[in-house]
């Protein structure tokens, strides 16, 4: 019985490259869902106070205490970056930019927690894992189970899109860190 994930081979021994799914497509989907849903949930904590979060008021106070000017504005920016970036990763929509949104936010989160060591709850292990996963998704692309596959400009993921997204995230995160006290 033929599997839909591994279609039968043709007489030449190869399946159709455009229609067959590969194990890495499913693996990338799982990684996108895990990172994207978690990032979006954290973003909604900041924006709306969902899932036990502080909402804009509480998160804004945290940002101000962490040395960021305009704490509430920074809470909106971080919340939108995590929510929209996370949802973009879930859908595989504009994946390099979605990953960049999560990556930039996590670079700042690591800077805030840097003095707390490596391991949770005060360390940076969680943020480092998110940062590396977002960078990896920006560089590899979303796989075939993604909306990007149906957008002509993004149909064929290019490494340069991923590199540009990672650089964009690092530059913007660095600029935000420069305004932090």
N, C-alpha and C. Protein backbone atom coordinates (compact mmCIF):
# COMPACT_ATOMS: atom_id res chain seq x y z
N UNK A 1 0.85 -1.16 0.00
CA UNK A 1 0.00 0.00 0.00
C UNK A 1 0.90 1.24 0.00
N UNK A 2 0.64 2.17 -0.90
CA UNK A 2 1.45 3.37 -1.02
C UNK A 2 1.06 4.39 0.04
N UNK A 3 2.06 5.03 0.57
CA UNK A 3 1.83 6.08 1.57
C UNK A 3 1.72 7.42 0.87
N UNK A 4 0.87 8.30 1.38
CA UNK A 4 0.77 9.63 0.78
C UNK A 4 2.00 10.47 1.06
N UNK A 5 2.75 10.13 2.10
CA UNK A 5 3.98 10.85 2.38
C UNK A 5 5.13 10.35 1.52
N UNK A 6 5.08 9.12 1.11
CA UNK A 6 6.10 8.55 0.24
C UNK A 6 5.41 7.87 -0.94
N UNK A 7 5.05 8.64 -1.98
CA UNK A 7 4.33 8.07 -3.10
C UNK A 7 5.17 7.02 -3.83
N UNK A 8 4.50 6.14 -4.57
CA UNK A 8 5.25 5.11 -5.28
C UNK A 8 6.24 5.72 -6.27
N UNK A 9 7.32 5.04 -6.46
CA UNK A 9 8.34 5.49 -7.39
C UNK A 9 7.91 5.18 -8.82
N UNK A 10 8.38 6.01 -9.74
CA UNK A 10 8.11 5.74 -11.15
C UNK A 10 9.09 4.69 -11.65
N UNK A 11 8.97 4.32 -12.91
CA UNK A 11 9.85 3.30 -13.48
C UNK A 11 11.31 3.72 -13.39
N UNK A 12 11.56 5.03 -13.38
CA UNK A 12 12.94 5.50 -13.31
C UNK A 12 13.46 5.53 -11.89
N UNK A 13 12.56 5.25 -10.92
CA UNK A 13 12.99 5.18 -9.53
C UNK A 13 12.82 6.48 -8.76
N UNK A 14 12.22 7.47 -9.37
CA UNK A 14 12.05 8.74 -8.63
C UNK A 14 10.60 9.17 -8.68
N UNK A 15 10.12 9.68 -7.57
CA UNK A 15 8.76 10.22 -7.50
C UNK A 15 8.75 11.63 -8.06
N UNK A 16 7.62 12.20 -8.24
CA UNK A 16 7.49 13.56 -8.72
C UNK A 16 7.95 14.53 -7.64
N UNK A 17 8.93 15.33 -7.94
CA UNK A 17 9.50 16.25 -6.95
C UNK A 17 8.49 17.31 -6.53
N UNK A 18 7.55 17.64 -7.40
CA UNK A 18 6.63 18.73 -7.08
C UNK A 18 5.44 18.28 -6.25
N UNK A 19 5.14 16.99 -6.22
CA UNK A 19 3.95 16.54 -5.50
C UNK A 19 4.25 15.68 -4.29
N UNK A 20 5.40 15.07 -4.23
CA UNK A 20 5.66 14.17 -3.12
C UNK A 20 6.17 14.95 -1.91
N UNK A 21 5.72 14.51 -0.75
CA UNK A 21 6.21 15.09 0.48
C UNK A 21 7.41 14.30 0.96
N UNK A 22 8.30 14.99 1.59
CA UNK A 22 9.48 14.35 2.16
C UNK A 22 9.36 14.40 3.67
N UNK A 23 10.04 13.52 4.35
CA UNK A 23 9.99 13.56 5.82
C UNK A 23 10.36 14.93 6.39
N UNK A 24 11.29 15.63 5.74
CA UNK A 24 11.68 16.94 6.27
C UNK A 24 10.56 17.96 6.15
N UNK A 25 9.64 17.80 5.19
CA UNK A 25 8.48 18.70 5.11
C UNK A 25 7.61 18.56 6.36
N UNK A 26 7.39 17.33 6.78
CA UNK A 26 6.59 17.07 7.98
C UNK A 26 7.36 17.55 9.22
N UNK A 27 8.65 17.29 9.25
CA UNK A 27 9.47 17.75 10.37
C UNK A 27 9.47 19.27 10.50
N UNK A 28 9.61 19.97 9.38
CA UNK A 28 9.57 21.44 9.41
C UNK A 28 8.21 21.95 9.86
N UNK A 29 7.14 21.26 9.45
CA UNK A 29 5.80 21.64 9.90
C UNK A 29 5.70 21.53 11.43
N UNK A 30 6.19 20.44 11.98
CA UNK A 30 6.14 20.25 13.43
C UNK A 30 6.94 21.34 14.15
N UNK A 31 8.12 21.65 13.64
CA UNK A 31 8.94 22.70 14.25
C UNK A 31 8.24 24.05 14.14
N UNK A 32 7.66 24.35 12.96
CA UNK A 32 6.95 25.62 12.78
C UNK A 32 5.76 25.73 13.72
N UNK A 33 5.01 24.63 13.87
CA UNK A 33 3.85 24.65 14.76
C UNK A 33 4.27 24.87 16.22
N UNK A 34 5.29 24.15 16.65
CA UNK A 34 5.74 24.27 18.05
C UNK A 34 6.24 25.69 18.34
N UNK A 35 7.13 26.19 17.51
CA UNK A 35 7.68 27.53 17.73
C UNK A 35 6.61 28.59 17.51
N UNK A 36 5.86 28.47 16.44
CA UNK A 36 4.88 29.49 16.10
C UNK A 36 3.76 29.62 17.11
N UNK A 37 3.20 28.49 17.54
CA UNK A 37 2.11 28.55 18.52
C UNK A 37 2.61 29.06 19.88
N UNK A 38 3.80 28.65 20.27
CA UNK A 38 4.35 29.11 21.54
C UNK A 38 4.65 30.60 21.49
N UNK A 39 5.27 31.06 20.40
CA UNK A 39 5.56 32.49 20.26
C UNK A 39 4.27 33.31 20.23
N UNK A 40 3.28 32.84 19.48
CA UNK A 40 2.01 33.57 19.41
C UNK A 40 1.34 33.63 20.77
N UNK A 41 1.40 32.55 21.52
CA UNK A 41 0.81 32.55 22.87
C UNK A 41 1.51 33.57 23.77
N UNK A 42 2.83 33.63 23.69
CA UNK A 42 3.57 34.62 24.48
C UNK A 42 3.21 36.04 24.04
N UNK A 43 3.03 36.23 22.75
CA UNK A 43 2.63 37.55 22.26
C UNK A 43 1.27 37.97 22.78
N UNK A 44 0.33 37.02 22.83
CA UNK A 44 -1.01 37.37 23.33
C UNK A 44 -0.99 37.60 24.85
N UNK A 45 -0.04 36.99 25.55
CA UNK A 45 0.13 37.32 26.97
C UNK A 45 0.47 38.81 27.11
N UNK A 46 1.37 39.28 26.27
CA UNK A 46 1.80 40.67 26.32
C UNK A 46 0.68 41.62 25.89
N UNK A 47 0.00 41.29 24.81
CA UNK A 47 -1.00 42.19 24.24
C UNK A 47 -2.31 42.20 25.01
N UNK A 48 -2.79 41.02 25.39
CA UNK A 48 -4.15 40.90 25.94
C UNK A 48 -4.22 40.35 27.35
N UNK A 49 -3.08 39.93 27.90
CA UNK A 49 -3.09 39.33 29.23
C UNK A 49 -3.61 37.90 29.23
N UNK A 50 -3.71 37.28 28.05
CA UNK A 50 -4.18 35.90 27.96
C UNK A 50 -3.15 34.96 28.57
N UNK A 51 -3.59 33.79 28.94
CA UNK A 51 -2.73 32.72 29.45
C UNK A 51 -1.90 33.18 30.66
N UNK A 52 -2.50 34.03 31.48
CA UNK A 52 -1.81 34.48 32.69
C UNK A 52 -0.79 35.57 32.46
N UNK A 53 -0.81 36.20 31.31
CA UNK A 53 0.15 37.25 31.02
C UNK A 53 -0.20 38.58 31.67
N UNK A 54 0.72 39.52 31.57
CA UNK A 54 0.55 40.83 32.21
C UNK A 54 -0.23 41.83 31.39
N UNK A 55 -0.58 41.49 30.13
CA UNK A 55 -1.23 42.48 29.28
C UNK A 55 -0.29 43.63 29.00
N UNK A 56 -0.80 44.64 28.32
CA UNK A 56 0.05 45.78 27.96
C UNK A 56 0.55 46.54 29.18
N UNK A 57 -0.33 46.67 30.18
CA UNK A 57 0.07 47.43 31.37
C UNK A 57 1.20 46.73 32.13
N UNK A 58 1.00 45.49 32.49
CA UNK A 58 2.01 44.75 33.24
C UNK A 58 3.29 44.53 32.44
N UNK A 59 3.14 44.19 31.17
CA UNK A 59 4.32 43.96 30.33
C UNK A 59 5.06 45.26 30.09
N UNK A 60 4.30 46.35 29.93
CA UNK A 60 4.93 47.67 29.76
C UNK A 60 5.76 48.04 30.98
N UNK A 61 5.24 47.74 32.17
CA UNK A 61 5.99 48.01 33.40
C UNK A 61 7.27 47.17 33.45
N UNK A 62 7.17 45.90 33.02
CA UNK A 62 8.36 45.04 32.98
C UNK A 62 9.40 45.60 32.02
N UNK A 63 8.97 46.04 30.85
CA UNK A 63 9.91 46.60 29.88
C UNK A 63 10.57 47.86 30.44
N UNK A 64 9.79 48.71 31.10
CA UNK A 64 10.36 49.93 31.69
C UNK A 64 11.37 49.57 32.78
N UNK A 65 11.05 48.60 33.63
CA UNK A 65 11.98 48.16 34.68
C UNK A 65 13.24 47.52 34.08
N UNK A 66 13.12 46.99 32.87
CA UNK A 66 14.27 46.34 32.21
C UNK A 66 15.12 47.34 31.44
N UNK A 67 14.76 48.63 31.53
CA UNK A 67 15.59 49.66 30.91
C UNK A 67 15.14 50.15 29.55
N UNK A 68 14.01 49.68 29.07
CA UNK A 68 13.51 50.13 27.77
C UNK A 68 12.70 51.41 27.94
N UNK A 69 12.92 52.40 27.08
CA UNK A 69 12.06 53.59 27.15
C UNK A 69 10.67 53.24 26.61
N UNK A 70 9.68 53.97 27.02
CA UNK A 70 8.31 53.75 26.53
C UNK A 70 7.93 52.28 26.66
N UNK A 71 7.89 51.80 27.89
CA UNK A 71 7.64 50.39 28.16
C UNK A 71 6.40 49.85 27.49
N UNK A 72 5.32 50.61 27.50
CA UNK A 72 4.08 50.12 26.91
C UNK A 72 4.21 49.99 25.39
N UNK A 73 4.90 50.94 24.77
CA UNK A 73 5.13 50.86 23.32
C UNK A 73 5.98 49.64 22.99
N UNK A 74 6.99 49.39 23.79
CA UNK A 74 7.84 48.22 23.58
C UNK A 74 7.04 46.93 23.79
N UNK A 75 6.11 46.95 24.72
CA UNK A 75 5.25 45.78 24.94
C UNK A 75 4.39 45.51 23.71
N UNK A 76 3.88 46.56 23.10
CA UNK A 76 3.09 46.40 21.88
C UNK A 76 3.95 45.83 20.76
N UNK A 77 5.15 46.38 20.59
CA UNK A 77 6.05 45.92 19.52
C UNK A 77 6.43 44.46 19.74
N UNK A 78 6.82 44.10 20.96
CA UNK A 78 7.19 42.71 21.25
C UNK A 78 5.99 41.79 21.11
N UNK A 79 4.83 42.22 21.61
CA UNK A 79 3.63 41.39 21.52
C UNK A 79 3.20 41.14 20.08
N UNK A 80 3.24 42.20 19.27
CA UNK A 80 2.88 42.03 17.85
C UNK A 80 3.91 41.18 17.11
N UNK A 81 5.18 41.38 17.43
CA UNK A 81 6.23 40.59 16.78
C UNK A 81 6.06 39.11 17.07
N UNK A 82 5.81 38.79 18.34
CA UNK A 82 5.64 37.38 18.70
C UNK A 82 4.34 36.81 18.15
N UNK A 83 3.25 37.57 18.25
CA UNK A 83 1.96 37.06 17.79
C UNK A 83 1.93 36.89 16.28
N UNK A 84 2.27 37.94 15.56
CA UNK A 84 2.20 37.88 14.09
C UNK A 84 3.31 36.99 13.52
N UNK A 85 4.51 37.09 14.10
CA UNK A 85 5.59 36.21 13.66
C UNK A 85 5.25 34.76 13.93
N UNK A 86 4.70 34.47 15.10
CA UNK A 86 4.31 33.10 15.44
C UNK A 86 3.24 32.56 14.51
N UNK A 87 2.21 33.37 14.25
CA UNK A 87 1.14 32.92 13.35
C UNK A 87 1.66 32.74 11.92
N UNK A 88 2.59 33.62 11.51
CA UNK A 88 3.21 33.46 10.19
C UNK A 88 3.97 32.15 10.09
N UNK A 89 4.66 31.77 11.17
CA UNK A 89 5.38 30.49 11.17
C UNK A 89 4.40 29.32 11.12
N UNK A 90 3.32 29.40 11.89
CA UNK A 90 2.32 28.33 11.88
C UNK A 90 1.80 28.10 10.47
N UNK A 91 1.49 29.17 9.77
CA UNK A 91 0.95 29.05 8.41
C UNK A 91 2.03 28.82 7.36
N UNK A 92 3.26 29.11 7.70
CA UNK A 92 4.32 29.07 6.69
C UNK A 92 4.13 30.23 5.72
N UNK A 93 3.75 31.38 6.24
CA UNK A 93 3.46 32.56 5.43
C UNK A 93 4.55 33.61 5.66
N UNK A 94 5.20 34.01 4.57
CA UNK A 94 6.32 34.94 4.66
C UNK A 94 7.30 34.45 5.73
N UNK A 95 7.65 33.20 5.64
CA UNK A 95 8.41 32.51 6.68
C UNK A 95 9.70 33.22 7.09
N UNK A 96 10.52 33.72 6.15
CA UNK A 96 11.74 34.40 6.62
C UNK A 96 11.43 35.61 7.49
N UNK A 97 10.43 36.40 7.11
CA UNK A 97 10.07 37.58 7.91
C UNK A 97 9.42 37.18 9.23
N UNK A 98 8.58 36.16 9.21
CA UNK A 98 7.96 35.68 10.45
C UNK A 98 9.03 35.20 11.42
N UNK A 99 9.99 34.46 10.90
CA UNK A 99 11.09 33.99 11.75
C UNK A 99 11.92 35.16 12.26
N UNK A 100 12.13 36.17 11.43
CA UNK A 100 12.89 37.35 11.84
C UNK A 100 12.19 38.08 12.98
N UNK A 101 10.86 38.14 12.95
CA UNK A 101 10.12 38.81 14.02
C UNK A 101 10.34 38.11 15.34
N UNK A 102 10.28 36.79 15.34
CA UNK A 102 10.50 36.01 16.56
C UNK A 102 11.98 36.12 16.97
N UNK A 103 12.86 36.01 16.02
CA UNK A 103 14.30 36.06 16.29
C UNK A 103 14.70 37.38 16.95
N UNK A 104 14.25 38.50 16.40
CA UNK A 104 14.60 39.80 16.95
C UNK A 104 14.10 39.98 18.37
N UNK A 105 12.89 39.51 18.63
CA UNK A 105 12.34 39.60 19.99
C UNK A 105 13.14 38.74 20.95
N UNK A 106 13.53 37.56 20.52
CA UNK A 106 14.28 36.66 21.40
C UNK A 106 15.70 37.16 21.66
N UNK A 107 16.30 37.87 20.72
CA UNK A 107 17.62 38.46 20.97
C UNK A 107 17.52 39.45 22.12
N UNK A 108 16.47 40.27 22.11
CA UNK A 108 16.26 41.21 23.20
C UNK A 108 15.96 40.50 24.50
N UNK A 109 15.16 39.44 24.44
CA UNK A 109 14.84 38.68 25.66
C UNK A 109 16.11 38.09 26.27
N UNK A 110 17.01 37.59 25.41
CA UNK A 110 18.27 37.04 25.94
C UNK A 110 19.11 38.13 26.59
N UNK A 111 19.10 39.32 26.00
CA UNK A 111 19.88 40.42 26.58
C UNK A 111 19.35 40.79 27.96
N UNK A 112 18.04 40.77 28.12
CA UNK A 112 17.43 41.11 29.42
C UNK A 112 17.80 40.06 30.46
N UNK A 113 17.81 38.79 30.08
CA UNK A 113 18.03 37.70 31.04
C UNK A 113 19.49 37.24 31.12
N UNK A 114 20.38 37.88 30.41
CA UNK A 114 21.74 37.38 30.25
C UNK A 114 22.46 37.10 31.57
N UNK A 115 22.28 37.92 32.58
CA UNK A 115 22.99 37.73 33.84
C UNK A 115 22.46 36.60 34.69
N UNK A 116 21.39 35.94 34.27
CA UNK A 116 20.77 34.90 35.10
C UNK A 116 21.30 33.51 34.87
N UNK A 117 22.39 33.37 34.13
CA UNK A 117 22.94 32.05 33.86
C UNK A 117 22.31 31.43 32.63
N UNK A 118 22.50 30.13 32.51
CA UNK A 118 22.00 29.43 31.32
C UNK A 118 20.65 28.77 31.55
N UNK A 119 20.50 28.06 32.67
CA UNK A 119 19.31 27.23 32.86
C UNK A 119 18.12 28.00 33.41
N UNK A 120 16.92 27.53 33.02
CA UNK A 120 15.67 28.11 33.49
C UNK A 120 15.57 27.92 34.99
N UNK A 121 14.83 28.71 35.68
CA UNK A 121 13.91 29.72 35.17
C UNK A 121 14.54 31.09 34.93
N UNK A 122 15.73 31.35 35.46
CA UNK A 122 16.31 32.69 35.30
C UNK A 122 17.26 32.80 34.12
N UNK A 123 17.66 31.68 33.54
CA UNK A 123 18.65 31.67 32.47
C UNK A 123 18.06 31.87 31.09
N UNK A 124 18.91 31.73 30.10
CA UNK A 124 18.55 32.04 28.72
C UNK A 124 18.31 30.81 27.85
N UNK A 125 18.24 29.61 28.44
CA UNK A 125 18.14 28.41 27.62
C UNK A 125 16.89 28.43 26.72
N UNK A 126 15.76 28.84 27.25
CA UNK A 126 14.51 28.91 26.48
C UNK A 126 14.65 29.89 25.32
N UNK A 127 15.16 31.08 25.61
CA UNK A 127 15.31 32.11 24.59
C UNK A 127 16.33 31.70 23.53
N UNK A 128 17.40 31.04 23.96
CA UNK A 128 18.41 30.58 23.01
C UNK A 128 17.84 29.52 22.07
N UNK A 129 17.04 28.62 22.61
CA UNK A 129 16.41 27.60 21.77
C UNK A 129 15.47 28.24 20.75
N UNK A 130 14.67 29.20 21.19
CA UNK A 130 13.78 29.92 20.27
C UNK A 130 14.58 30.67 19.20
N UNK A 131 15.66 31.33 19.63
CA UNK A 131 16.48 32.10 18.70
C UNK A 131 17.07 31.20 17.62
N UNK A 132 17.66 30.09 18.04
CA UNK A 132 18.27 29.16 17.08
C UNK A 132 17.23 28.54 16.16
N UNK A 133 16.08 28.19 16.70
CA UNK A 133 15.03 27.57 15.88
C UNK A 133 14.48 28.57 14.86
N UNK A 134 14.26 29.82 15.28
CA UNK A 134 13.77 30.84 14.35
C UNK A 134 14.80 31.10 13.25
N UNK A 135 16.08 31.19 13.62
CA UNK A 135 17.12 31.40 12.60
C UNK A 135 17.17 30.21 11.65
N UNK A 136 17.07 29.00 12.19
CA UNK A 136 17.08 27.80 11.34
C UNK A 136 15.92 27.79 10.35
N UNK A 137 14.73 28.16 10.81
CA UNK A 137 13.57 28.20 9.91
C UNK A 137 13.72 29.30 8.86
N UNK A 138 14.29 30.43 9.24
CA UNK A 138 14.52 31.50 8.26
C UNK A 138 15.45 31.01 7.16
N UNK A 139 16.46 30.24 7.53
CA UNK A 139 17.45 29.77 6.56
C UNK A 139 16.98 28.58 5.74
N UNK A 140 16.21 27.66 6.35
CA UNK A 140 15.79 26.47 5.61
C UNK A 140 14.51 26.68 4.83
N UNK A 141 13.66 27.57 5.30
CA UNK A 141 12.34 27.73 4.70
C UNK A 141 11.34 26.84 5.40
N UNK A 142 10.07 26.96 5.02
CA UNK A 142 9.00 26.30 5.76
C UNK A 142 8.72 24.86 5.36
N UNK A 143 9.31 24.40 4.28
CA UNK A 143 8.93 23.08 3.75
C UNK A 143 7.73 23.24 2.82
N UNK A 144 7.26 22.12 2.31
CA UNK A 144 6.18 22.16 1.31
C UNK A 144 4.80 22.33 1.90
N UNK A 145 4.63 22.07 3.19
CA UNK A 145 3.33 22.20 3.83
C UNK A 145 3.18 23.61 4.38
N UNK A 146 3.19 24.59 3.47
CA UNK A 146 3.19 26.00 3.87
C UNK A 146 2.52 26.85 2.81
N UNK A 147 1.97 27.96 3.25
CA UNK A 147 1.33 28.91 2.33
C UNK A 147 2.36 29.49 1.36
N UNK A 148 3.59 29.69 1.82
CA UNK A 148 4.63 30.25 0.96
C UNK A 148 4.78 29.48 -0.35
N UNK A 149 4.48 28.22 -0.32
CA UNK A 149 4.60 27.39 -1.53
C UNK A 149 3.70 27.89 -2.65
N UNK A 150 2.64 28.58 -2.28
CA UNK A 150 1.67 29.04 -3.28
C UNK A 150 1.85 30.50 -3.66
N UNK A 151 2.86 31.16 -3.11
CA UNK A 151 3.16 32.55 -3.45
C UNK A 151 4.30 32.56 -4.46
N UNK A 152 4.05 33.10 -5.64
CA UNK A 152 5.08 33.02 -6.70
C UNK A 152 6.46 33.52 -6.29
N UNK A 153 6.52 34.62 -5.56
CA UNK A 153 7.83 35.17 -5.21
C UNK A 153 8.55 34.31 -4.17
N UNK A 154 7.82 33.56 -3.37
CA UNK A 154 8.44 32.75 -2.33
C UNK A 154 8.38 31.26 -2.60
N UNK A 155 7.83 30.88 -3.75
CA UNK A 155 7.64 29.46 -4.05
C UNK A 155 8.93 28.68 -3.86
N UNK A 156 9.98 29.18 -4.42
CA UNK A 156 11.28 28.52 -4.25
C UNK A 156 12.04 29.31 -3.19
N UNK A 157 12.14 28.72 -1.99
CA UNK A 157 12.85 29.41 -0.91
C UNK A 157 14.30 29.58 -1.30
N UNK A 158 14.77 30.76 -1.14
CA UNK A 158 16.16 31.07 -1.45
C UNK A 158 16.92 31.32 -0.16
N UNK A 159 18.12 30.82 -0.09
CA UNK A 159 18.96 31.02 1.08
C UNK A 159 19.13 32.52 1.35
N UNK A 160 19.21 33.31 0.28
CA UNK A 160 19.42 34.76 0.48
C UNK A 160 18.25 35.39 1.23
N UNK A 161 17.03 34.88 1.08
CA UNK A 161 15.89 35.40 1.85
C UNK A 161 16.11 35.13 3.33
N UNK A 162 16.56 33.95 3.64
CA UNK A 162 16.80 33.59 5.04
C UNK A 162 17.94 34.39 5.64
N UNK A 163 19.03 34.52 4.90
CA UNK A 163 20.17 35.29 5.40
C UNK A 163 19.75 36.74 5.61
N UNK A 164 19.03 37.31 4.65
CA UNK A 164 18.56 38.70 4.78
C UNK A 164 17.66 38.85 6.01
N UNK A 165 16.80 37.88 6.26
CA UNK A 165 15.90 37.94 7.40
C UNK A 165 16.66 37.87 8.71
N UNK A 166 17.65 37.00 8.80
CA UNK A 166 18.46 36.88 10.02
C UNK A 166 19.24 38.18 10.26
N UNK A 167 19.82 38.73 9.21
CA UNK A 167 20.56 39.99 9.34
C UNK A 167 19.60 41.11 9.76
N UNK A 168 18.43 41.20 9.13
CA UNK A 168 17.43 42.20 9.49
C UNK A 168 17.06 42.09 10.97
N UNK A 169 16.79 40.88 11.43
CA UNK A 169 16.42 40.67 12.83
C UNK A 169 17.55 41.11 13.76
N UNK A 170 18.78 40.75 13.44
CA UNK A 170 19.92 41.10 14.29
C UNK A 170 20.14 42.61 14.32
N UNK A 171 20.01 43.26 13.19
CA UNK A 171 20.22 44.71 13.13
C UNK A 171 19.13 45.44 13.91
N UNK A 172 17.88 45.08 13.69
CA UNK A 172 16.79 45.75 14.40
C UNK A 172 16.87 45.46 15.90
N UNK A 173 17.16 44.22 16.28
CA UNK A 173 17.30 43.89 17.70
C UNK A 173 18.45 44.70 18.30
N UNK A 174 19.54 44.83 17.57
CA UNK A 174 20.67 45.62 18.05
C UNK A 174 20.32 47.08 18.23
N UNK A 175 19.56 47.64 17.29
CA UNK A 175 19.13 49.04 17.42
C UNK A 175 18.23 49.23 18.64
N UNK A 176 17.33 48.28 18.86
CA UNK A 176 16.46 48.36 20.04
C UNK A 176 17.29 48.26 21.31
N UNK A 177 18.27 47.40 21.31
CA UNK A 177 19.13 47.28 22.49
C UNK A 177 19.95 48.54 22.75
N UNK A 178 20.27 49.28 21.70
CA UNK A 178 21.03 50.52 21.86
C UNK A 178 20.23 51.59 22.62
N UNK A 179 18.91 51.55 22.51
CA UNK A 179 18.10 52.56 23.20
C UNK A 179 17.75 52.13 24.62
N UNK A 180 18.12 50.91 24.96
CA UNK A 180 17.87 50.38 26.32
C UNK A 180 18.93 50.95 27.27
N UNK A 181 18.50 51.34 28.44
CA UNK A 181 19.44 51.89 29.44
C UNK A 181 20.35 50.81 29.96
